[in-house]
Each structure stands twice: as C-alpha cells, then as structure tokens.
Amino acid sequence: MRHPLWKVAAVLLFAGTANPVTIHAETFVIREGSIGFDPGDPASFVFRSGGLQLSGLFQPIATSGAFTCAPAACAPGTRINLGTVFGGPLRDFNLGQGVATIDGVQHGSQTGPPGQGFLFLTGTLTFDAPDLPIPAGGDLVVRLTAPFLFNGRVIGSNERPVTMPLFDVALVGTGAATMRLGLDSGLGLYRFEGLEYVFESSEPIPEPATLLLVGAGVAGLMARRKRLRVG
C-alpha cells in the first residue's frame, strides 16, 4: 500500500511541471534599447541584453521630477530631476502586443488575449539621474540630457493579478536621459513634452578572436617571466 505522501508529491510535481516559473538568479545587464513617452501617450520600451529581450507598451506612472513641469509650467532656471520610477508593488505594467524572450524561451506572442498572446508585467523600473536647470535662452524647445543608472525587476504573467508568473528577472544598465521641454510664449514658461532613456553598453564585449589574442599574450608574458627566473 502506497503512503499518502506519494500522492501529495505526485500532485506537487504535476503542478510544478504544468506551471513552470523561470526565476533567473543572474542580473541581466541591458546593453541597448530605450524607453520613452510623451504626455497622454503610453510609454513604449525595448530592453535588450545577452539572452533577454523585452518590448511593449504601458501607461507611465512616475514618482519623480520628470513630471515637474507636466501639470504646471516651469520658469527658466528651475532645476528638474531627470530620474523616474515606473510601476511599483501595487501597479501593473501592461506589455501590450509584445513578447519577451529570455535565454531562448519566448513568452507571449504578437496577437491574442492574455493567456494566449500578450503578457502582463509587474515590477518597478528605476532610473536615477541628476538635476539640471532649465536654461534662460528663451529657445522654443529645450532638451536636457544627463547620464542615468538603471535597475529594475520585472515579473511576467498571462494573468492579472499575477498568481502563476512565467518569469522573474532583475535588470540593470546605464545610458543617457533626455527630457524635452516646450516654451509657452505667452507665459515665458516651459512645459514637459517628453522624456526618453536610451541605454548604452558600458562594457564592450570582447570578440572570440580578441580573447584568443589576449590569452596568447598573457601566456607569452608568463613564459618569458619563467625563463628570466630560471636564468
């Protein structure tokens, strides 16, 4: 007679294989891509790294100085923080009609309802950037640009609220933030018109041939040092 624990183990094993969760211990470094938006429009984004690609749309929910001049206008000389925090524990990112590919595994498709097509994403995307002043030149359009540091966590699922996630990934990266402000000629003040974060690879990836040359060079130095010691 089989012990009841065998039945419990079999149920747990079936549940785990039927609803696999891909939790990645490593952190993906975003080497290219961008996220940007204009007032009233959903934010679009593409994140690419070795083994990962995320793309789609979501309504921007920010808690930073990036929207300082959105509801009200800002005077020249006003310092604006170019950082932004998107999402949070109580908010969902809607990936829309996009896909996620992680370590060669594709999640979601270009069409179809949740569960058969696009994904729901939850998590937080944090862009840290410095404050910059609005110049006093009176230009119709002003662009403020500064470097940013990025970190985030994204959980993907076919359902909302998330109960059976498909994947859970951590992200980091660097790049340049650019905020666009437009002049209200009647008031002489500037209003927020858009913000974009463009990722840049901070660490070049050596090509295999380069690695071989470096390895050969190190081996040559070690051999030469050994001969000198013997002599």
Protein backbone atom coordinates (compact mmCIF):
# COMPACT_ATOMS: atom_id res chain seq x y z
CA MET A 1 0.00 0.00 0.00
CA ARG A 2 1.44 3.34 -1.02
CA HIS A 3 1.89 6.02 1.56
CA PRO A 4 -0.40 9.10 1.14
CA LEU A 5 2.72 11.28 0.88
CA TRP A 6 3.40 9.76 -2.54
CA LYS A 7 0.09 11.17 -3.75
CA VAL A 8 0.93 14.62 -2.38
CA ALA A 9 4.36 14.53 -4.02
CA ALA A 10 2.83 13.49 -7.34
CA VAL A 11 0.35 16.38 -7.21
CA LEU A 12 3.09 18.88 -6.40
CA LEU A 13 5.29 17.54 -9.18
CA PHE A 14 2.48 17.83 -11.72
CA ALA A 15 1.67 21.38 -10.59
CA GLY A 16 5.31 22.38 -10.96
CA THR A 17 5.62 20.99 -14.48
CA ALA A 18 2.27 22.36 -15.63
CA ASN A 19 3.07 25.90 -14.47
CA PRO A 20 6.86 26.34 -14.71
CA VAL A 21 8.29 29.54 -13.26
CA THR A 22 11.58 30.80 -14.68
CA ILE A 23 13.37 32.70 -11.90
CA HIS A 24 16.78 33.90 -13.00
CA ALA A 25 19.40 34.25 -10.29
CA GLU A 26 21.65 36.34 -12.55
CA THR A 27 21.05 40.00 -13.27
CA PHE A 28 20.64 40.96 -16.92
CA VAL A 29 22.68 44.00 -18.00
CA ILE A 30 20.68 45.99 -20.55
CA ARG A 31 23.16 46.94 -23.28
CA GLU A 32 20.79 48.52 -25.81
CA GLY A 33 17.23 49.71 -26.12
CA SER A 34 15.18 52.61 -24.82
CA ILE A 35 12.02 53.68 -23.04
CA GLY A 36 10.26 56.93 -23.83
CA PHE A 37 6.92 58.70 -23.69
CA ASP A 38 5.03 61.91 -24.38
CA PRO A 39 2.21 63.35 -22.22
CA GLY A 40 -1.02 61.45 -22.75
CA ASP A 41 0.62 58.61 -24.71
CA PRO A 42 1.55 55.15 -23.40
CA ALA A 43 5.23 54.57 -22.84
CA SER A 44 6.98 52.24 -25.28
CA PHE A 45 10.10 50.30 -24.45
CA VAL A 46 12.63 47.83 -25.80
CA PHE A 47 15.25 46.28 -23.49
CA ARG A 48 17.97 44.03 -24.95
CA SER A 49 20.73 42.09 -23.26
CA GLY A 50 22.60 38.87 -23.77
CA GLY A 51 19.83 36.28 -23.53
CA LEU A 52 16.98 38.72 -22.92
CA GLN A 53 14.63 40.96 -24.89
CA LEU A 54 11.54 42.75 -23.58
CA SER A 55 9.35 45.05 -25.61
CA GLY A 56 5.90 46.59 -25.41
CA LEU A 57 3.75 49.42 -24.09
CA PHE A 58 2.45 50.56 -20.72
CA GLN A 59 0.87 53.62 -19.15
CA PRO A 60 3.66 55.61 -17.44
CA ILE A 61 3.28 56.02 -13.70
CA ALA A 62 6.13 58.15 -12.41
CA THR A 63 7.11 59.34 -8.94
CA SER A 64 9.92 61.76 -9.68
CA GLY A 65 10.92 65.16 -11.04
CA ALA A 66 10.41 64.01 -14.62
CA PHE A 67 6.83 65.31 -14.44
CA THR A 68 7.61 68.52 -12.56
CA CYS A 69 6.56 70.71 -15.47
CA ALA A 70 3.72 68.48 -16.68
CA PRO A 71 0.72 69.81 -14.72
CA ALA A 72 2.26 73.25 -14.32
CA ALA A 73 4.80 75.27 -16.26
CA CYS A 74 8.36 75.87 -15.05
CA ALA A 75 10.36 79.07 -15.23
CA PRO A 76 13.87 79.25 -16.70
CA GLY A 77 16.41 78.43 -14.02
CA THR A 78 14.20 75.77 -12.40
CA ARG A 79 16.17 72.63 -11.61
CA ILE A 80 14.49 69.43 -12.79
CA ASN A 81 15.40 65.90 -11.86
CA LEU A 82 15.66 63.65 -14.92
CA GLY A 83 15.13 60.45 -12.94
CA THR A 84 11.92 58.41 -12.96
CA VAL A 85 10.40 55.46 -11.14
CA PHE A 86 7.90 53.46 -13.19
CA GLY A 87 5.46 51.00 -11.67
CA GLY A 88 5.69 49.69 -8.15
CA PRO A 89 4.30 46.88 -5.99
CA LEU A 90 0.68 47.98 -6.50
CA ARG A 91 0.89 48.70 -10.22
CA ASP A 92 1.00 46.54 -13.33
CA PHE A 93 2.97 47.08 -16.49
CA ASN A 94 0.90 46.00 -19.47
CA LEU A 95 3.31 44.65 -22.06
CA GLY A 96 0.57 45.00 -24.69
CA GLN A 97 1.15 43.34 -28.04
CA GLY A 98 4.75 42.47 -27.36
CA VAL A 99 6.87 39.48 -26.48
CA ALA A 100 9.56 38.50 -24.02
CA THR A 101 12.45 36.23 -24.93
CA ILE A 102 14.65 35.00 -22.09
CA ASP A 103 17.52 32.55 -22.61
CA GLY A 104 15.98 31.45 -25.89
CA VAL A 105 12.49 30.87 -24.45
CA GLN A 106 9.71 33.05 -25.90
CA HIS A 107 6.86 34.21 -23.68
CA GLY A 108 3.77 35.70 -25.31
CA SER A 109 3.07 36.41 -28.97
CA GLN A 110 2.25 39.35 -31.23
CA THR A 111 -1.52 38.85 -31.07
CA GLY A 112 -4.16 37.28 -28.88
CA PRO A 113 -5.74 37.83 -25.47
CA PRO A 114 -3.94 37.32 -22.15
CA GLY A 115 -3.09 33.68 -21.72
CA GLN A 116 -2.80 33.23 -25.48
CA GLY A 117 -0.99 36.35 -26.58
CA PHE A 118 0.31 39.46 -24.86
CA LEU A 119 1.75 39.43 -21.35
CA PHE A 120 1.06 41.30 -18.15
CA LEU A 121 4.14 42.64 -16.39
CA THR A 122 4.52 43.74 -12.81
CA GLY A 123 7.54 45.29 -11.15
CA THR A 124 9.50 48.51 -10.89
CA LEU A 125 11.85 50.32 -13.27
CA THR A 126 14.05 52.92 -11.56
CA PHE A 127 16.12 55.49 -13.48
CA ASP A 128 18.44 57.59 -11.30
CA ALA A 129 19.63 60.84 -12.91
CA PRO A 130 20.83 64.26 -11.66
CA ASP A 131 19.08 67.63 -11.52
CA LEU A 132 19.59 70.07 -14.38
CA PRO A 133 18.47 73.72 -14.69
CA ILE A 134 16.26 75.00 -17.50
CA PRO A 135 18.43 77.43 -19.49
CA ALA A 136 17.40 81.06 -19.79
CA GLY A 137 17.99 81.43 -23.54
CA GLY A 138 14.30 81.52 -24.49
CA ASP A 139 14.53 78.68 -27.04
CA LEU A 140 11.18 77.28 -28.19
CA VAL A 141 12.35 73.73 -27.42
CA VAL A 142 14.85 72.84 -24.70
CA ARG A 143 16.47 69.41 -24.30
CA LEU A 144 18.07 68.47 -21.01
CA THR A 145 20.44 65.48 -21.20
CA ALA A 146 22.22 63.61 -18.40
CA PRO A 147 23.57 60.11 -17.70
CA PHE A 148 21.39 57.66 -15.78
CA LEU A 149 21.79 54.50 -13.72
CA PHE A 150 19.04 51.91 -14.11
CA ASN A 151 17.82 48.99 -12.04
CA GLY A 152 14.58 47.10 -12.14
CA ARG A 153 12.65 43.92 -11.56
CA VAL A 154 10.09 42.53 -14.00
CA ILE A 155 7.70 39.63 -13.47
CA GLY A 156 5.79 38.31 -16.48
CA SER A 157 2.44 36.50 -16.43
CA ASN A 158 -0.54 35.61 -18.59
CA GLU A 159 -2.94 36.78 -15.92
CA ARG A 160 -3.76 39.74 -13.70
CA PRO A 161 -3.34 39.75 -10.77
CA VAL A 162 -0.25 37.59 -11.06
CA THR A 163 -0.57 34.21 -9.35
CA MET A 164 1.48 31.98 -11.67
CA PRO A 165 4.40 34.04 -13.06
CA LEU A 166 6.17 32.88 -16.19
CA PHE A 167 9.45 34.59 -15.31
CA ASP A 168 11.05 36.87 -12.75
CA VAL A 169 14.14 38.84 -13.84
CA ALA A 170 16.39 41.55 -12.39
CA LEU A 171 17.73 44.26 -14.70
CA VAL A 172 20.49 46.90 -14.53
CA GLY A 173 22.01 49.32 -17.03
CA THR A 174 23.31 52.77 -17.87
CA GLY A 175 22.74 55.33 -20.60
CA ALA A 176 21.58 58.87 -21.33
CA ALA A 177 18.30 60.53 -20.33
CA THR A 178 16.86 63.32 -22.49
CA MET A 179 13.91 65.47 -21.41
CA ARG A 180 12.15 67.75 -23.89
CA LEU A 181 10.50 70.99 -22.77
CA GLY A 182 8.44 73.40 -24.88
CA LEU A 183 8.17 77.14 -24.35
CA ASP A 184 4.78 78.72 -23.70
CA SER A 185 5.46 82.04 -25.43
CA GLY A 186 2.59 83.83 -23.73
CA LEU A 187 3.82 82.97 -20.24
CA GLY A 188 7.54 82.65 -20.88
CA LEU A 189 7.44 79.28 -19.10
CA TYR A 190 8.33 75.74 -20.13
CA ARG A 191 6.11 72.66 -20.13
CA PHE A 192 7.05 68.98 -20.18
CA GLU A 193 6.83 67.48 -23.70
CA GLY A 194 8.63 64.16 -23.48
CA LEU A 195 11.30 62.01 -21.87
CA GLU A 196 13.48 59.22 -23.25
CA TYR A 197 16.05 56.91 -21.69
CA VAL A 198 18.48 55.36 -24.19
CA PHE A 199 20.68 52.51 -22.98
CA GLU A 200 24.36 52.37 -23.82
CA SER A 201 26.74 49.47 -23.35
CA SER A 202 29.22 50.46 -20.66
CA GLU A 203 31.32 47.30 -21.06
CA PRO A 204 32.34 46.24 -24.59
CA ILE A 205 32.01 42.50 -25.14
CA PRO A 206 35.31 41.05 -26.42
CA GLU A 207 35.10 39.06 -29.64
CA PRO A 208 36.39 35.46 -29.55
CA ALA A 209 39.40 36.40 -31.69
CA THR A 210 40.25 39.21 -29.29
CA LEU A 211 40.02 36.84 -26.33
CA LEU A 212 42.39 34.42 -28.05
CA LEU A 213 44.92 37.18 -28.69
CA VAL A 214 44.73 38.36 -25.09
CA GLY A 215 45.12 34.79 -23.83
CA ALA A 216 48.14 34.22 -26.09
CA GLY A 217 49.70 37.45 -24.94
CA VAL A 218 49.29 36.57 -21.25
CA ALA A 219 50.72 33.11 -21.87
CA GLY A 220 53.72 34.65 -23.64
CA LEU A 221 54.40 37.03 -20.75
CA MET A 222 54.19 34.20 -18.23
CA ALA A 223 56.63 32.05 -20.26
CA ARG A 224 59.07 34.97 -20.61
CA ARG A 225 58.89 35.67 -16.87
CA LYS A 226 59.57 31.99 -16.14
CA ARG A 227 62.66 31.98 -18.39
CA LEU A 228 64.01 35.06 -16.67
CA ARG A 229 63.60 33.43 -13.26
CA VAL A 230 65.40 30.26 -14.43
CA GLY A 231 68.24 32.26 -15.93
